[in-house]
Amino acid sequence: MIDRLAAAKEFDLLAMARVLGGIVFKEGTEQAWFRRRFTMFQDLIETSWVYQEIGQQSFEKGIEEGIIEGQRKTMMSFLQARFPEVIALANQQTNKMNSSEILQTVIDKLFVAQTLEEAKQILLEVNKQ
């Protein structure tokens, strides 16, 4: 199949075959064989719209994860400096936050919190969001 797709210059299909084959060949010597089999076509596969779309989606997901991680660190640094008593609660609550919009809203509210009780209440409200 790999040779036929390459000979027919069906690089989009070749890229899809690699993805589907990756589901079948999960570990061990079969995985190594499968990987080697596609190595010679890597440059051609990379020009495929399928490959580029998968790469773009992965890139965007990585960016979003990086933003969320940065927001978590910002919030924890702020709380450590201003309300260190709520660090344990904040750690627990931030693990539930997987949206940069929600994290930013919580950070914005924490920045204007005047008391420890206000900060606690903001963190406890995360469950409601």
C-alpha atoms as a PDB file:
ATOM      1  CA  MET A   1       0.000   0.000   0.000  1.00  0.00           C
ATOM      2  CA  ILE A   2       2.754   2.438   0.932  1.00  0.00           C
ATOM      3  CA  ASP A   3       4.630   1.858  -2.332  1.00  0.00           C
ATOM      4  CA  ARG A   4       1.482   2.112  -4.432  1.00  0.00           C
ATOM      5  CA  LEU A   5       0.373   5.379  -2.820  1.00  0.00           C
ATOM      6  CA  ALA A   6       3.857   6.842  -3.226  1.00  0.00           C
ATOM      7  CA  ALA A   7       4.084   5.734  -6.874  1.00  0.00           C
ATOM      8  CA  ALA A   8       0.669   7.284  -7.563  1.00  0.00           C
ATOM      9  CA  LYS A   9       1.804  10.474  -5.820  1.00  0.00           C
ATOM     10  CA  GLU A  10      -1.175  10.247  -3.487  1.00  0.00           C
ATOM     11  CA  PHE A  11       0.631  11.988  -0.661  1.00  0.00           C
ATOM     12  CA  ASP A  12      -2.542  13.004   1.171  1.00  0.00           C
ATOM     13  CA  LEU A  13      -3.594   9.356   1.265  1.00  0.00           C
ATOM     14  CA  LEU A  14      -0.079   8.381   2.290  1.00  0.00           C
ATOM     15  CA  ALA A  15      -0.291  10.796   5.215  1.00  0.00           C
ATOM     16  CA  MET A  16      -3.655   9.348   6.212  1.00  0.00           C
ATOM     17  CA  ALA A  17      -2.265   5.817   5.915  1.00  0.00           C
ATOM     18  CA  ARG A  18       0.527   6.743   8.278  1.00  0.00           C
ATOM     19  CA  VAL A  19      -1.929   8.095  10.848  1.00  0.00           C
ATOM     20  CA  LEU A  20      -4.175   5.028  10.580  1.00  0.00           C
ATOM     21  CA  GLY A  21      -1.194   2.685  10.656  1.00  0.00           C
ATOM     22  CA  GLY A  22      -0.035   4.403  13.823  1.00  0.00           C
ATOM     23  CA  ILE A  23      -3.251   3.228  15.463  1.00  0.00           C
ATOM     24  CA  VAL A  24      -2.570  -0.374  14.446  1.00  0.00           C
ATOM     25  CA  PHE A  25       1.189  -0.572  15.041  1.00  0.00           C
ATOM     26  CA  LYS A  26       1.392   0.665  18.618  1.00  0.00           C
ATOM     27  CA  GLU A  27       4.601  -0.781  20.035  1.00  0.00           C
ATOM     28  CA  GLY A  28       7.622  -2.988  19.583  1.00  0.00           C
ATOM     29  CA  THR A  29       9.243  -4.161  16.382  1.00  0.00           C
ATOM     30  CA  GLU A  30       6.133  -3.578  14.258  1.00  0.00           C
ATOM     31  CA  GLN A  31       6.124   0.078  15.256  1.00  0.00           C
ATOM     32  CA  ALA A  32       9.809   0.421  14.438  1.00  0.00           C
ATOM     33  CA  TRP A  33       9.291  -1.268  11.038  1.00  0.00           C
ATOM     34  CA  PHE A  34       6.322   0.949  10.291  1.00  0.00           C
ATOM     35  CA  ARG A  35       8.243   4.096  11.228  1.00  0.00           C
ATOM     36  CA  ARG A  36      11.218   3.098   9.038  1.00  0.00           C
ATOM     37  CA  ARG A  37       8.875   2.337   6.139  1.00  0.00           C
ATOM     38  CA  PHE A  38       7.603   5.918   6.109  1.00  0.00           C
ATOM     39  CA  THR A  39      10.950   7.608   6.730  1.00  0.00           C
ATOM     40  CA  MET A  40      11.808   7.836   3.036  1.00  0.00           C
ATOM     41  CA  PHE A  41       8.480   9.557   2.328  1.00  0.00           C
ATOM     42  CA  GLN A  42       8.648  12.046   5.189  1.00  0.00           C
ATOM     43  CA  ASP A  43       9.399  15.089   3.029  1.00  0.00           C
ATOM     44  CA  LEU A  44       6.575  14.231   0.641  1.00  0.00           C
ATOM     45  CA  ILE A  45       4.105  13.530   3.445  1.00  0.00           C
ATOM     46  CA  GLU A  46       4.893  16.875   5.064  1.00  0.00           C
ATOM     47  CA  THR A  47       3.553  18.665   1.976  1.00  0.00           C
ATOM     48  CA  SER A  48       0.183  16.953   2.392  1.00  0.00           C
ATOM     49  CA  TRP A  49      -2.749  19.087   3.544  1.00  0.00           C
ATOM     50  CA  VAL A  50      -3.704  16.314   5.979  1.00  0.00           C
ATOM     51  CA  TYR A  51      -0.289  16.353   7.612  1.00  0.00           C
ATOM     52  CA  GLN A  52      -0.242  20.147   7.742  1.00  0.00           C
ATOM     53  CA  GLU A  53      -3.732  20.290   9.248  1.00  0.00           C
ATOM     54  CA  ILE A  54      -2.826  17.786  11.962  1.00  0.00           C
ATOM     55  CA  GLY A  55       0.331  19.753  12.670  1.00  0.00           C
ATOM     56  CA  GLN A  56      -1.597  23.026  12.884  1.00  0.00           C
ATOM     57  CA  GLN A  57      -4.112  21.511  15.294  1.00  0.00           C
ATOM     58  CA  SER A  58      -1.309  20.175  17.474  1.00  0.00           C
ATOM     59  CA  PHE A  59       0.424  23.547  17.397  1.00  0.00           C
ATOM     60  CA  GLU A  60      -2.743  25.371  18.429  1.00  0.00           C
ATOM     61  CA  LYS A  61      -3.390  22.889  21.229  1.00  0.00           C
ATOM     62  CA  GLY A  62       0.176  23.370  22.477  1.00  0.00           C
ATOM     63  CA  ILE A  63      -0.228  27.144  22.436  1.00  0.00           C
ATOM     64  CA  GLU A  64      -3.465  26.907  24.444  1.00  0.00           C
ATOM     65  CA  GLU A  65      -1.857  24.545  26.975  1.00  0.00           C
ATOM     66  CA  GLY A  66       1.074  26.950  27.317  1.00  0.00           C
ATOM     67  CA  ILE A  67      -1.263  29.881  27.921  1.00  0.00           C
ATOM     68  CA  ILE A  68      -3.157  27.947  30.590  1.00  0.00           C
ATOM     69  CA  GLU A  69       0.070  26.883  32.308  1.00  0.00           C
ATOM     70  CA  GLY A  70       1.305  30.485  32.298  1.00  0.00           C
ATOM     71  CA  GLN A  71      -1.959  31.709  33.773  1.00  0.00           C
ATOM     72  CA  ARG A  72      -1.797  29.071  36.512  1.00  0.00           C
ATOM     73  CA  LYS A  73       1.742  30.139  37.401  1.00  0.00           C
ATOM     74  CA  THR A  74       0.747  33.816  37.419  1.00  0.00           C
ATOM     75  CA  MET A  75      -2.173  33.118  39.712  1.00  0.00           C
ATOM     76  CA  MET A  76      -0.116  30.977  42.079  1.00  0.00           C
ATOM     77  CA  SER A  77       2.696  33.550  42.246  1.00  0.00           C
ATOM     78  CA  PHE A  78       0.205  36.297  42.990  1.00  0.00           C
ATOM     79  CA  LEU A  79      -1.516  34.250  45.680  1.00  0.00           C
ATOM     80  CA  GLN A  80       1.798  33.234  47.234  1.00  0.00           C
ATOM     81  CA  ALA A  81       2.693  36.901  47.580  1.00  0.00           C
ATOM     82  CA  ARG A  82      -0.710  38.236  48.620  1.00  0.00           C
ATOM     83  CA  PHE A  83      -2.758  35.410  50.164  1.00  0.00           C
ATOM     84  CA  PRO A  84      -0.426  32.479  50.912  1.00  0.00           C
ATOM     85  CA  GLU A  85      -3.067  30.937  53.180  1.00  0.00           C
ATOM     86  CA  VAL A  86      -5.118  29.865  50.137  1.00  0.00           C
ATOM     87  CA  ILE A  87      -2.335  28.162  48.177  1.00  0.00           C
ATOM     88  CA  ALA A  88      -3.602  24.640  48.925  1.00  0.00           C
ATOM     89  CA  LEU A  89      -7.136  25.576  47.877  1.00  0.00           C
ATOM     90  CA  ALA A  90      -5.821  27.313  44.769  1.00  0.00           C
ATOM     91  CA  ASN A  91      -3.798  24.245  43.777  1.00  0.00           C
ATOM     92  CA  GLN A  92      -6.871  22.080  44.136  1.00  0.00           C
ATOM     93  CA  GLN A  93      -9.077  24.481  42.182  1.00  0.00           C
ATOM     94  CA  THR A  94      -6.639  25.253  39.351  1.00  0.00           C
ATOM     95  CA  ASN A  95      -6.446  21.569  38.475  1.00  0.00           C
ATOM     96  CA  LYS A  96     -10.133  21.837  37.544  1.00  0.00           C
ATOM     97  CA  MET A  97      -9.577  24.826  35.252  1.00  0.00           C
ATOM     98  CA  ASN A  98      -8.876  23.889  31.636  1.00  0.00           C
ATOM     99  CA  SER A  99     -10.076  27.072  30.002  1.00  0.00           C
ATOM    100  CA  SER A 100      -7.909  30.147  29.596  1.00  0.00           C
ATOM    101  CA  GLU A 101     -11.033  32.324  29.704  1.00  0.00           C
ATOM    102  CA  ILE A 102     -12.091  30.957  33.096  1.00  0.00           C
ATOM    103  CA  LEU A 103      -8.550  31.235  34.455  1.00  0.00           C
ATOM    104  CA  GLN A 104      -8.269  34.834  33.275  1.00  0.00           C
ATOM    105  CA  THR A 105     -11.597  35.706  34.887  1.00  0.00           C
ATOM    106  CA  VAL A 106     -10.458  34.181  38.188  1.00  0.00           C
ATOM    107  CA  ILE A 107      -7.111  35.998  37.990  1.00  0.00           C
ATOM    108  CA  ASP A 108      -8.854  39.306  37.300  1.00  0.00           C
ATOM    109  CA  LYS A 109     -11.141  38.814  40.300  1.00  0.00           C
ATOM    110  CA  LEU A 110      -8.238  37.803  42.559  1.00  0.00           C
ATOM    111  CA  PHE A 111      -6.275  40.919  41.597  1.00  0.00           C
ATOM    112  CA  VAL A 112      -9.018  43.110  43.023  1.00  0.00           C
ATOM    113  CA  ALA A 113      -9.685  40.969  46.105  1.00  0.00           C
ATOM    114  CA  GLN A 114      -9.040  42.961  49.278  1.00  0.00           C
ATOM    115  CA  THR A 115      -9.316  40.260  51.923  1.00  0.00           C
ATOM    116  CA  LEU A 116      -8.404  36.638  52.450  1.00  0.00           C
ATOM    117  CA  GLU A 117     -12.107  35.783  52.607  1.00  0.00           C
ATOM    118  CA  GLU A 118     -12.724  37.392  49.220  1.00  0.00           C
ATOM    119  CA  ALA A 119      -9.868  35.395  47.698  1.00  0.00           C
ATOM    120  CA  LYS A 120     -11.232  32.149  49.197  1.00  0.00           C
ATOM    121  CA  GLN A 121     -14.709  32.898  47.875  1.00  0.00           C
ATOM    122  CA  ILE A 122     -13.390  33.564  44.363  1.00  0.00           C
ATOM    123  CA  LEU A 123     -11.536  30.260  44.367  1.00  0.00           C
ATOM    124  CA  LEU A 124     -14.536  28.372  45.685  1.00  0.00           C
ATOM    125  CA  GLU A 125     -16.726  29.827  42.934  1.00  0.00           C
ATOM    126  CA  VAL A 126     -14.582  28.108  40.305  1.00  0.00           C
ATOM    127  CA  ASN A 127     -16.765  25.006  40.686  1.00  0.00           C
ATOM    128  CA  LYS A 128     -19.788  27.027  39.606  1.00  0.00           C
ATOM    129  CA  GLN A 129     -18.102  28.174  36.399  1.00  0.00           C
END
